[in-house]
Amino acid sequence: MVRHIVIWNYQEGFSPEEKALKGKEVKEKLEALKEIISGVIALNVHIDPLSSSTKDVILNSLFESEEALSAYQVHPAHKEVSAFVGTVMKDRVCMDYYES
């Protein structure tokens, strides 16, 4: 299995209320991909970090294989959601690794 973790901060200029709304929308759109794209074992988005955090939103997902992750990344549904996320988030950090 392959773990895929992505972490972001919000774009500048959003009020706290806008961040809450945008975060909820990012969470809903990303988590819906689990039901659309095969090879996804788990896909969870967390939008309520502790005050000690330096990032705002995290995607923590698990895939059947590296090939499944690659297929997810080019899937049209993921590309559509990714385009939306890019309008809301910045400072993307990603780590993929084999889970034992």
N, C-alpha and C. Protein backbone atom coordinates (compact mmCIF):
# COMPACT_ATOMS: atom_id res chain seq x y z
N MET A 1 0.83 -1.18 0.00
CA MET A 1 0.00 0.00 0.00
C MET A 1 0.88 1.25 0.00
N VAL A 2 0.33 2.32 -0.54
CA VAL A 2 1.06 3.58 -0.64
C VAL A 2 0.28 4.67 0.09
N ARG A 3 0.98 5.35 1.00
CA ARG A 3 0.40 6.49 1.72
C ARG A 3 0.72 7.76 0.94
N HIS A 4 -0.27 8.61 0.76
CA HIS A 4 -0.14 9.88 0.03
C HIS A 4 -0.65 10.97 0.96
N ILE A 5 0.26 11.84 1.39
CA ILE A 5 -0.09 12.92 2.30
C ILE A 5 0.22 14.25 1.62
N VAL A 6 -0.76 15.15 1.64
CA VAL A 6 -0.57 16.49 1.08
C VAL A 6 -1.04 17.49 2.13
N ILE A 7 -0.27 18.56 2.31
CA ILE A 7 -0.59 19.57 3.30
C ILE A 7 -0.51 20.95 2.64
N TRP A 8 -1.45 21.83 3.00
CA TRP A 8 -1.51 23.16 2.41
C TRP A 8 -1.78 24.22 3.47
N ASN A 9 -1.61 25.47 3.06
CA ASN A 9 -2.12 26.65 3.76
C ASN A 9 -3.14 27.30 2.84
N TYR A 10 -4.03 28.10 3.43
CA TYR A 10 -4.99 28.84 2.63
C TYR A 10 -4.30 29.97 1.89
N GLN A 11 -4.85 30.33 0.73
CA GLN A 11 -4.41 31.53 0.01
C GLN A 11 -4.62 32.73 0.93
N GLU A 12 -3.89 33.79 0.69
CA GLU A 12 -4.04 35.02 1.46
C GLU A 12 -5.39 35.67 1.15
N GLY A 13 -5.89 36.43 2.12
CA GLY A 13 -7.07 37.25 1.88
C GLY A 13 -8.39 36.67 2.33
N PHE A 14 -8.43 35.41 2.76
CA PHE A 14 -9.68 34.84 3.23
C PHE A 14 -9.91 35.21 4.70
N SER A 15 -11.14 35.57 5.02
CA SER A 15 -11.51 35.79 6.42
C SER A 15 -11.59 34.43 7.12
N PRO A 16 -11.62 34.40 8.44
CA PRO A 16 -11.79 33.12 9.14
C PRO A 16 -13.06 32.38 8.70
N GLU A 17 -14.13 33.11 8.46
CA GLU A 17 -15.37 32.49 8.01
C GLU A 17 -15.22 31.89 6.62
N GLU A 18 -14.54 32.62 5.74
CA GLU A 18 -14.29 32.11 4.38
C GLU A 18 -13.40 30.88 4.42
N LYS A 19 -12.39 30.89 5.27
CA LYS A 19 -11.52 29.72 5.42
C LYS A 19 -12.32 28.50 5.86
N ALA A 20 -13.23 28.69 6.80
CA ALA A 20 -14.06 27.58 7.27
C ALA A 20 -14.92 27.02 6.13
N LEU A 21 -15.52 27.91 5.34
CA LEU A 21 -16.36 27.47 4.22
C LEU A 21 -15.53 26.80 3.13
N LYS A 22 -14.41 27.42 2.78
CA LYS A 22 -13.54 26.85 1.73
C LYS A 22 -12.97 25.51 2.19
N GLY A 23 -12.56 25.43 3.45
CA GLY A 23 -12.03 24.18 3.99
C GLY A 23 -13.05 23.06 3.92
N LYS A 24 -14.28 23.36 4.27
CA LYS A 24 -15.35 22.36 4.20
C LYS A 24 -15.55 21.90 2.77
N GLU A 25 -15.51 22.83 1.83
CA GLU A 25 -15.69 22.48 0.42
C GLU A 25 -14.53 21.63 -0.09
N VAL A 26 -13.30 21.99 0.28
CA VAL A 26 -12.13 21.18 -0.10
C VAL A 26 -12.28 19.78 0.45
N LYS A 27 -12.64 19.66 1.72
CA LYS A 27 -12.81 18.36 2.37
C LYS A 27 -13.86 17.51 1.64
N GLU A 28 -15.02 18.10 1.38
CA GLU A 28 -16.10 17.35 0.72
C GLU A 28 -15.69 16.88 -0.68
N LYS A 29 -15.08 17.77 -1.44
CA LYS A 29 -14.70 17.43 -2.82
C LYS A 29 -13.62 16.35 -2.85
N LEU A 30 -12.60 16.50 -2.01
CA LEU A 30 -11.52 15.50 -2.00
C LEU A 30 -12.02 14.15 -1.48
N GLU A 31 -12.76 14.15 -0.38
CA GLU A 31 -13.22 12.88 0.18
C GLU A 31 -14.18 12.15 -0.73
N ALA A 32 -14.90 12.87 -1.58
CA ALA A 32 -15.81 12.24 -2.54
C ALA A 32 -15.07 11.42 -3.59
N LEU A 33 -13.80 11.74 -3.82
CA LEU A 33 -13.02 11.02 -4.83
C LEU A 33 -12.84 9.54 -4.49
N LYS A 34 -12.92 9.20 -3.21
CA LYS A 34 -12.77 7.80 -2.79
C LYS A 34 -13.82 6.91 -3.47
N GLU A 35 -15.02 7.45 -3.65
CA GLU A 35 -16.10 6.68 -4.25
C GLU A 35 -16.07 6.70 -5.77
N ILE A 36 -15.24 7.56 -6.34
CA ILE A 36 -15.21 7.75 -7.79
C ILE A 36 -14.03 7.04 -8.44
N ILE A 37 -12.88 7.03 -7.75
CA ILE A 37 -11.64 6.54 -8.34
C ILE A 37 -11.24 5.22 -7.70
N SER A 38 -11.04 4.20 -8.53
CA SER A 38 -10.67 2.89 -7.99
C SER A 38 -9.22 2.92 -7.49
N GLY A 39 -8.94 2.03 -6.57
CA GLY A 39 -7.59 1.92 -6.01
C GLY A 39 -7.37 2.75 -4.76
N VAL A 40 -8.37 3.58 -4.41
CA VAL A 40 -8.28 4.39 -3.19
C VAL A 40 -8.82 3.55 -2.03
N ILE A 41 -7.99 3.33 -1.03
CA ILE A 41 -8.42 2.58 0.15
C ILE A 41 -9.04 3.52 1.18
N ALA A 42 -8.37 4.64 1.42
CA ALA A 42 -8.85 5.62 2.40
C ALA A 42 -8.45 7.00 1.94
N LEU A 43 -9.28 7.98 2.24
CA LEU A 43 -8.99 9.36 1.87
C LEU A 43 -9.68 10.27 2.89
N ASN A 44 -8.88 10.90 3.73
CA ASN A 44 -9.40 11.75 4.80
C ASN A 44 -8.75 13.12 4.75
N VAL A 45 -9.58 14.14 4.92
CA VAL A 45 -9.10 15.52 4.93
C VAL A 45 -9.43 16.11 6.30
N HIS A 46 -8.43 16.75 6.91
CA HIS A 46 -8.61 17.39 8.22
C HIS A 46 -8.43 18.89 8.04
N ILE A 47 -9.42 19.64 8.54
CA ILE A 47 -9.44 21.10 8.32
C ILE A 47 -9.42 21.89 9.63
N ASP A 48 -9.24 21.20 10.75
CA ASP A 48 -9.26 21.87 12.06
C ASP A 48 -7.95 21.61 12.81
N PRO A 49 -6.85 22.20 12.37
CA PRO A 49 -5.57 21.94 13.03
C PRO A 49 -5.50 22.58 14.42
N LEU A 50 -4.66 22.02 15.25
CA LEU A 50 -4.38 22.63 16.55
C LEU A 50 -3.60 23.92 16.34
N SER A 51 -3.61 24.78 17.32
CA SER A 51 -2.93 26.07 17.20
C SER A 51 -1.42 25.92 17.04
N SER A 52 -0.87 24.78 17.40
CA SER A 52 0.57 24.53 17.25
C SER A 52 0.96 24.18 15.81
N SER A 53 -0.02 24.02 14.93
CA SER A 53 0.24 23.61 13.54
C SER A 53 0.74 24.78 12.70
N THR A 54 1.51 24.45 11.68
CA THR A 54 2.00 25.46 10.74
C THR A 54 1.35 25.32 9.37
N LYS A 55 0.45 24.38 9.22
CA LYS A 55 -0.32 24.19 7.99
C LYS A 55 -1.80 24.15 8.34
N ASP A 56 -2.65 24.45 7.35
CA ASP A 56 -4.08 24.59 7.59
C ASP A 56 -4.91 23.35 7.28
N VAL A 57 -4.55 22.62 6.24
CA VAL A 57 -5.36 21.50 5.76
C VAL A 57 -4.44 20.34 5.40
N ILE A 58 -4.87 19.12 5.73
CA ILE A 58 -4.10 17.93 5.36
C ILE A 58 -5.00 16.90 4.69
N LEU A 59 -4.48 16.32 3.63
CA LEU A 59 -5.08 15.17 2.97
C LEU A 59 -4.22 13.97 3.34
N ASN A 60 -4.82 12.96 3.95
CA ASN A 60 -4.12 11.74 4.34
C ASN A 60 -4.84 10.60 3.63
N SER A 61 -4.18 10.00 2.64
CA SER A 61 -4.85 8.99 1.85
C SER A 61 -3.99 7.74 1.70
N LEU A 62 -4.66 6.64 1.39
CA LEU A 62 -4.00 5.35 1.24
C LEU A 62 -4.48 4.70 -0.05
N PHE A 63 -3.53 4.18 -0.83
CA PHE A 63 -3.81 3.58 -2.13
C PHE A 63 -3.35 2.14 -2.16
N GLU A 64 -3.99 1.35 -3.01
CA GLU A 64 -3.64 -0.06 -3.15
C GLU A 64 -2.20 -0.26 -3.61
N SER A 65 -1.72 0.66 -4.44
CA SER A 65 -0.38 0.50 -5.03
C SER A 65 0.10 1.85 -5.56
N GLU A 66 1.35 1.88 -5.97
CA GLU A 66 1.90 3.09 -6.60
C GLU A 66 1.19 3.37 -7.92
N GLU A 67 0.81 2.31 -8.63
CA GLU A 67 0.08 2.46 -9.88
C GLU A 67 -1.30 3.08 -9.62
N ALA A 68 -1.95 2.67 -8.54
CA ALA A 68 -3.25 3.24 -8.19
C ALA A 68 -3.12 4.73 -7.88
N LEU A 69 -2.06 5.11 -7.18
CA LEU A 69 -1.81 6.53 -6.89
C LEU A 69 -1.59 7.30 -8.19
N SER A 70 -0.81 6.73 -9.09
CA SER A 70 -0.56 7.39 -10.38
C SER A 70 -1.85 7.56 -11.17
N ALA A 71 -2.70 6.55 -11.16
CA ALA A 71 -3.98 6.63 -11.88
C ALA A 71 -4.89 7.69 -11.25
N TYR A 72 -4.88 7.79 -9.94
CA TYR A 72 -5.65 8.81 -9.21
C TYR A 72 -5.20 10.20 -9.63
N GLN A 73 -3.91 10.41 -9.73
CA GLN A 73 -3.38 11.73 -10.01
C GLN A 73 -3.75 12.25 -11.39
N VAL A 74 -3.99 11.37 -12.35
CA VAL A 74 -4.35 11.80 -13.71
C VAL A 74 -5.84 11.62 -14.00
N HIS A 75 -6.58 11.10 -13.05
CA HIS A 75 -8.02 10.88 -13.25
C HIS A 75 -8.72 12.24 -13.44
N PRO A 76 -9.63 12.34 -14.40
CA PRO A 76 -10.32 13.62 -14.65
C PRO A 76 -11.03 14.20 -13.41
N ALA A 77 -11.62 13.35 -12.59
CA ALA A 77 -12.29 13.85 -11.38
C ALA A 77 -11.29 14.47 -10.42
N HIS A 78 -10.11 13.85 -10.28
CA HIS A 78 -9.07 14.41 -9.41
C HIS A 78 -8.55 15.72 -9.99
N LYS A 79 -8.34 15.76 -11.29
CA LYS A 79 -7.84 16.98 -11.92
C LYS A 79 -8.81 18.14 -11.69
N GLU A 80 -10.11 17.88 -11.76
CA GLU A 80 -11.12 18.91 -11.54
C GLU A 80 -11.05 19.42 -10.09
N VAL A 81 -10.99 18.50 -9.14
CA VAL A 81 -10.92 18.90 -7.73
C VAL A 81 -9.60 19.61 -7.45
N SER A 82 -8.53 19.12 -8.03
CA SER A 82 -7.21 19.73 -7.83
C SER A 82 -7.19 21.17 -8.33
N ALA A 83 -7.86 21.43 -9.43
CA ALA A 83 -7.93 22.80 -9.96
C ALA A 83 -8.65 23.70 -8.96
N PHE A 84 -9.73 23.21 -8.36
CA PHE A 84 -10.43 24.00 -7.35
C PHE A 84 -9.53 24.23 -6.13
N VAL A 85 -8.89 23.18 -5.65
CA VAL A 85 -8.01 23.30 -4.48
C VAL A 85 -6.93 24.35 -4.75
N GLY A 86 -6.42 24.40 -5.95
CA GLY A 86 -5.40 25.37 -6.30
C GLY A 86 -5.87 26.82 -6.22
N THR A 87 -7.17 27.04 -6.28
CA THR A 87 -7.70 28.40 -6.14
C THR A 87 -7.88 28.80 -4.69
N VAL A 88 -7.80 27.84 -3.78
CA VAL A 88 -8.05 28.07 -2.36
C VAL A 88 -6.77 27.93 -1.53
N MET A 89 -5.88 27.04 -1.96
CA MET A 89 -4.71 26.68 -1.17
C MET A 89 -3.40 27.12 -1.82
N LYS A 90 -2.36 27.17 -0.98
CA LYS A 90 -1.00 27.47 -1.45
C LYS A 90 -0.03 26.65 -0.60
N ASP A 91 1.25 26.77 -0.89
CA ASP A 91 2.31 26.13 -0.11
C ASP A 91 2.14 24.61 -0.02
N ARG A 92 1.82 23.96 -1.12
CA ARG A 92 1.59 22.51 -1.14
C ARG A 92 2.87 21.76 -0.77
N VAL A 93 2.71 20.82 0.15
CA VAL A 93 3.79 19.91 0.54
C VAL A 93 3.23 18.50 0.40
N CYS A 94 4.02 17.60 -0.18
CA CYS A 94 3.54 16.24 -0.42
C CYS A 94 4.59 15.22 -0.02
N MET A 95 4.11 14.09 0.52
CA MET A 95 5.00 12.96 0.76
C MET A 95 4.23 11.69 0.46
N ASP A 96 4.83 10.83 -0.37
CA ASP A 96 4.30 9.52 -0.70
C ASP A 96 5.30 8.48 -0.21
N TYR A 97 4.78 7.38 0.34
CA TYR A 97 5.68 6.32 0.81
C TYR A 97 4.93 5.00 0.89
N TYR A 98 5.71 3.91 0.85
CA TYR A 98 5.13 2.58 1.02
C TYR A 98 4.84 2.36 2.49
N GLU A 99 3.62 1.94 2.77
CA GLU A 99 3.22 1.66 4.14
C GLU A 99 3.42 0.18 4.41
N SER A 100 4.04 -0.10 5.53
CA SER A 100 4.28 -1.51 5.86
C SER A 100 3.30 -2.03 6.88
